[in-house]
Amino acid sequence: MKISTLIVTSILLASFSGNVTLGEENNRKPNIVFFLVDDLGWSDVGCYGSTFHETPNIDRLAKQGVRFDNAYATCHVCSPSRASILTGKYPARTDLTEWLGGRPERNFEKLHSAKKLMSLPDEEITLAETLKRHGYATANYGKAHLRKDPKTYGFDEAITGWVRSYYYPFSKQYEKTLPAKKGDYYTDKLTDAAIDFIERNKDRPFFVHLEHFAVHDPIQGRKDLVEKYQKKLVR
């Protein structure tokens, strides 16, 4: 995962950390949808200068909200950065400093990695757990990469797992949790699941943590979009 990947609404962590109250309980609580895109370069979207990729919805969010131009991920690899988003802590504070399932130690190396964990420690208080205590419905969809069922970390619903193909069948992990058919595209199905959760919980505050695999490999764009951008390349 690139450092640029995780330049996303980190302000939420400051506002909703485990030790911060959410204000008066009788006030209307804001709904939260947190988009996390894997391996997306910061200059690959329109609001950061791309003239090739068309990202109108992201651009509109940026125009209506806050756009960061000097923000960085807390780690250069996947799992520690994701853990930081959920806990509001630097990787060294959680002892999670390597991607889970990371590379093996090599005896010839002079510098060895710190203690390797198998998952985010259970004692860590997450954003989802904090919001759940304040009456939120919580859901996690996509690439959690924390090596445990996200329900362990305070999510009411979760559809996660590794993906072998962006086209159906995605992987065995999704056979029961993400119904699909031939021709269905993984990114679209995840988004549909998130929309369904929002519709089912529209009368209460909700938190959706939508962690898309795209644009991480396997490199398989949706066919109509591949054709569209191939035409742009030859203009």
Protein backbone atom coordinates (compact mmCIF):
# COMPACT_ATOMS: atom_id res chain seq x y z
CA MET A 1 0.00 0.00 0.00
CA LYS A 2 1.42 3.37 -1.00
CA ILE A 3 1.81 6.17 1.51
CA SER A 4 -0.42 8.34 -0.65
CA THR A 5 -3.25 5.84 -0.37
CA LEU A 6 -4.40 6.86 3.05
CA ILE A 7 -4.73 10.63 2.76
CA VAL A 8 -8.40 10.36 3.68
CA THR A 9 -10.50 12.23 6.23
CA SER A 10 -8.15 11.64 9.14
CA ILE A 11 -9.96 14.45 10.90
CA LEU A 12 -12.51 11.84 11.95
CA LEU A 13 -9.95 10.24 14.23
CA ALA A 14 -9.43 13.46 16.13
CA SER A 15 -13.15 13.96 16.49
CA PHE A 16 -14.20 10.44 17.43
CA SER A 17 -11.32 8.81 19.34
CA GLY A 18 -12.09 6.44 22.19
CA ASN A 19 -11.56 9.07 24.88
CA VAL A 20 -13.67 11.84 23.35
CA THR A 21 -17.39 12.25 23.99
CA LEU A 22 -19.66 12.94 21.05
CA GLY A 23 -21.59 15.82 22.57
CA GLU A 24 -25.08 15.86 23.97
CA GLU A 25 -26.87 12.56 23.39
CA ASN A 26 -30.10 14.32 22.49
CA ASN A 27 -28.49 16.07 19.50
CA ARG A 28 -28.77 14.63 16.02
CA LYS A 29 -25.69 12.50 15.47
CA PRO A 30 -23.99 12.77 12.06
CA ASN A 31 -23.90 9.77 9.76
CA ILE A 32 -20.37 8.75 8.75
CA VAL A 33 -19.24 7.04 5.55
CA PHE A 34 -15.46 6.51 5.47
CA PHE A 35 -14.03 5.62 2.04
CA LEU A 36 -10.61 3.99 1.97
CA VAL A 37 -9.08 3.28 -1.44
CA ASP A 38 -6.09 0.95 -1.76
CA ASP A 39 -2.98 2.04 -3.71
CA LEU A 40 -4.57 5.16 -5.16
CA GLY A 41 -1.97 7.80 -6.00
CA TRP A 42 -2.77 11.22 -4.62
CA SER A 43 -2.46 12.82 -8.08
CA ASP A 44 -4.77 10.27 -9.73
CA VAL A 45 -7.97 12.18 -8.94
CA GLY A 46 -9.26 15.37 -10.47
CA CYS A 47 -9.24 17.51 -7.34
CA TYR A 48 -5.50 16.88 -7.01
CA GLY A 49 -4.68 17.73 -10.61
CA SER A 50 -5.37 14.67 -12.77
CA THR A 51 -6.53 15.59 -16.26
CA PHE A 52 -6.78 11.97 -17.44
CA HIS A 53 -8.77 10.13 -14.77
CA GLU A 54 -12.34 11.35 -14.35
CA THR A 55 -13.41 11.40 -10.69
CA PRO A 56 -16.42 13.74 -10.53
CA ASN A 57 -17.89 12.35 -7.30
CA ILE A 58 -14.59 12.55 -5.41
CA ASP A 59 -14.05 16.04 -6.80
CA ARG A 60 -17.48 17.13 -5.59
CA LEU A 61 -16.80 15.77 -2.09
CA ALA A 62 -13.53 17.69 -2.04
CA LYS A 63 -15.20 20.90 -3.18
CA GLN A 64 -17.93 20.64 -0.55
CA GLY A 65 -15.62 19.56 2.26
CA VAL A 66 -11.98 19.79 3.30
CA ARG A 67 -9.09 18.85 1.03
CA PHE A 68 -5.74 18.04 2.62
CA ASP A 69 -2.56 18.98 0.72
CA ASN A 70 0.06 18.03 3.32
CA ALA A 71 -1.11 14.74 4.87
CA TYR A 72 0.59 11.37 5.13
CA ALA A 73 -0.20 7.80 6.10
CA THR A 74 1.21 6.66 9.43
CA CYS A 75 3.04 3.75 7.80
CA HIS A 76 4.22 2.72 4.33
CA VAL A 77 2.38 -0.62 4.45
CA CYS A 78 -1.22 -1.69 4.78
CA SER A 79 -2.22 -3.11 8.16
CA PRO A 80 -0.51 -0.52 10.41
CA SER A 81 -2.12 2.34 8.48
CA ARG A 82 -5.56 0.73 8.73
CA ALA A 83 -5.06 0.11 12.45
CA SER A 84 -4.12 3.77 12.90
CA ILE A 85 -7.36 4.87 11.27
CA LEU A 86 -9.42 2.67 13.59
CA THR A 87 -7.53 3.49 16.80
CA GLY A 88 -6.18 6.99 16.27
CA LYS A 89 -2.72 5.76 17.29
CA TYR A 90 0.67 5.63 15.62
CA PRO A 91 1.73 2.07 14.70
CA ALA A 92 4.38 1.96 17.44
CA ARG A 93 1.65 2.56 20.02
CA THR A 94 -0.22 -0.59 18.99
CA ASP A 95 2.91 -2.69 18.29
CA LEU A 96 1.49 -3.26 14.82
CA THR A 97 4.27 -2.06 12.53
CA GLU A 98 4.22 -4.63 9.71
CA TRP A 99 1.50 -5.75 7.33
CA LEU A 100 -0.20 -8.83 8.75
CA GLY A 101 1.10 -11.92 7.05
CA GLY A 102 4.25 -9.91 6.29
CA ARG A 103 7.57 -11.10 4.97
CA PRO A 104 9.62 -13.66 6.92
CA GLU A 105 12.78 -12.80 8.83
CA ARG A 106 16.05 -13.47 6.99
CA ASN A 107 19.02 -14.57 9.07
CA PHE A 108 21.50 -12.57 7.01
CA GLU A 109 19.76 -9.26 7.73
CA LYS A 110 21.54 -7.02 10.22
CA LEU A 111 18.34 -5.27 11.25
CA HIS A 112 15.39 -7.40 12.33
CA SER A 113 11.79 -6.33 12.60
CA ALA A 114 10.11 -5.57 15.88
CA LYS A 115 7.73 -8.04 17.48
CA LYS A 116 5.33 -9.39 14.88
CA LEU A 117 1.65 -9.48 15.78
CA MET A 118 -0.98 -11.73 14.22
CA SER A 119 -3.80 -9.20 14.50
CA LEU A 120 -4.74 -5.84 15.97
CA PRO A 121 -4.69 -6.40 19.76
CA ASP A 122 -8.16 -6.91 21.25
CA GLU A 123 -7.54 -4.36 23.99
CA GLU A 124 -7.32 -1.51 21.48
CA ILE A 125 -10.39 0.73 21.44
CA THR A 126 -11.57 1.33 17.89
CA LEU A 127 -13.56 4.03 16.19
CA ALA A 128 -16.34 1.50 15.54
CA GLU A 129 -16.54 0.47 19.21
CA THR A 130 -16.69 4.09 20.32
CA LEU A 131 -19.44 4.99 17.88
CA LYS A 132 -21.37 1.83 18.71
CA ARG A 133 -21.45 2.86 22.37
CA HIS A 134 -23.12 6.07 21.26
CA GLY A 135 -25.91 4.31 19.39
CA TYR A 136 -24.43 3.93 15.92
CA ALA A 137 -25.04 1.03 13.57
CA THR A 138 -21.62 0.02 12.25
CA ALA A 139 -20.48 -1.87 9.16
CA ASN A 140 -17.19 -2.75 7.49
CA TYR A 141 -16.94 -3.76 3.83
CA GLY A 142 -13.87 -4.67 1.79
CA LYS A 143 -10.21 -4.98 2.73
CA ALA A 144 -9.93 -4.83 6.52
CA HIS A 145 -6.52 -6.61 6.59
CA LEU A 146 -6.41 -6.91 10.39
CA ARG A 147 -6.55 -10.73 10.43
CA LYS A 148 -9.72 -11.01 12.51
CA ASP A 149 -13.41 -10.71 11.82
CA PRO A 150 -14.13 -6.95 11.94
CA LYS A 151 -17.02 -7.72 14.28
CA THR A 152 -14.30 -8.29 16.89
CA TYR A 153 -13.51 -4.59 16.61
CA GLY A 154 -17.02 -3.22 17.02
CA PHE A 155 -18.68 -3.66 13.62
CA ASP A 156 -22.25 -4.98 13.57
CA GLU A 157 -21.90 -6.22 10.00
CA ALA A 158 -18.88 -7.11 7.91
CA ILE A 159 -18.17 -8.40 4.41
CA THR A 160 -14.43 -8.75 4.10
CA GLY A 161 -11.73 -11.05 2.79
CA TRP A 162 -9.04 -11.30 0.13
CA VAL A 163 -10.06 -11.00 -3.49
CA ARG A 164 -8.54 -13.09 -6.30
CA SER A 165 -10.52 -11.50 -9.09
CA TYR A 166 -12.54 -8.32 -9.48
CA TYR A 167 -14.96 -10.32 -11.60
CA TYR A 168 -17.16 -13.06 -10.14
CA PRO A 169 -16.18 -15.43 -8.60
CA PHE A 170 -14.20 -13.11 -6.30
CA SER A 171 -12.91 -15.74 -3.83
CA LYS A 172 -14.35 -18.49 -1.62
CA GLN A 173 -14.57 -16.06 1.30
CA TYR A 174 -17.36 -14.18 -0.45
CA GLU A 175 -19.53 -17.10 -1.57
CA LYS A 176 -21.97 -16.70 1.34
CA THR A 177 -21.49 -13.06 2.31
CA LEU A 178 -21.61 -11.30 -1.07
CA PRO A 179 -24.10 -12.97 -3.43
CA ALA A 180 -23.12 -12.40 -7.05
CA LYS A 181 -23.34 -13.87 -10.53
CA LYS A 182 -21.22 -14.10 -13.64
CA GLY A 183 -20.28 -10.67 -14.92
CA ASP A 184 -20.64 -8.91 -11.56
CA TYR A 185 -17.80 -6.58 -10.60
CA TYR A 186 -16.42 -6.68 -7.06
CA THR A 187 -16.13 -2.92 -6.47
CA ASP A 188 -19.74 -2.40 -7.53
CA LYS A 189 -20.99 -5.25 -5.33
CA LEU A 190 -19.21 -3.86 -2.26
CA THR A 191 -20.71 -0.45 -2.92
CA ASP A 192 -24.17 -2.00 -3.29
CA ALA A 193 -23.73 -3.74 0.08
CA ALA A 194 -22.83 -0.43 1.73
CA ILE A 195 -25.83 1.32 0.17
CA ASP A 196 -28.09 -1.48 1.38
CA PHE A 197 -26.78 -1.06 4.93
CA ILE A 198 -27.40 2.69 4.77
CA GLU A 199 -30.96 2.16 3.56
CA ARG A 200 -31.66 -0.34 6.34
CA ASN A 201 -30.32 2.02 8.98
CA LYS A 202 -31.49 5.38 7.63
CA ASP A 203 -33.55 6.08 10.74
CA ARG A 204 -30.59 5.83 13.12
CA PRO A 205 -27.01 7.11 13.07
CA PHE A 206 -24.67 4.85 11.12
CA PHE A 207 -20.96 4.40 10.44
CA VAL A 208 -19.91 2.67 7.22
CA HIS A 209 -16.22 1.84 6.79
CA LEU A 210 -15.97 1.09 3.06
CA GLU A 211 -12.49 -0.23 2.25
CA HIS A 212 -12.25 -0.82 -1.48
CA PHE A 213 -9.55 -3.14 -2.83
CA ALA A 214 -9.38 -1.09 -6.01
CA VAL A 215 -7.01 0.05 -7.35
CA HIS A 216 -4.83 -2.64 -5.76
CA ASP A 217 -4.02 -5.69 -7.87
CA PRO A 218 -5.23 -7.81 -9.56
CA ILE A 219 -5.27 -5.17 -12.30
CA GLN A 220 -8.76 -5.74 -13.70
CA GLY A 221 -10.69 -2.63 -14.62
CA ARG A 222 -14.37 -2.77 -15.39
CA LYS A 223 -14.66 -3.53 -19.10
CA ASP A 224 -16.63 -0.41 -20.03
CA LEU A 225 -14.13 1.82 -18.22
CA VAL A 226 -11.12 0.07 -19.75
CA GLU A 227 -12.57 0.73 -23.21
CA LYS A 228 -13.31 4.35 -22.31
CA TYR A 229 -9.77 5.12 -21.20
CA GLN A 230 -8.17 3.20 -24.05
CA LYS A 231 -9.97 5.57 -26.40
CA LYS A 232 -8.70 8.56 -24.42
CA LEU A 233 -5.12 7.30 -24.77
CA VAL A 234 -5.25 7.27 -28.57
CA ARG A 235 -6.79 10.69 -29.04
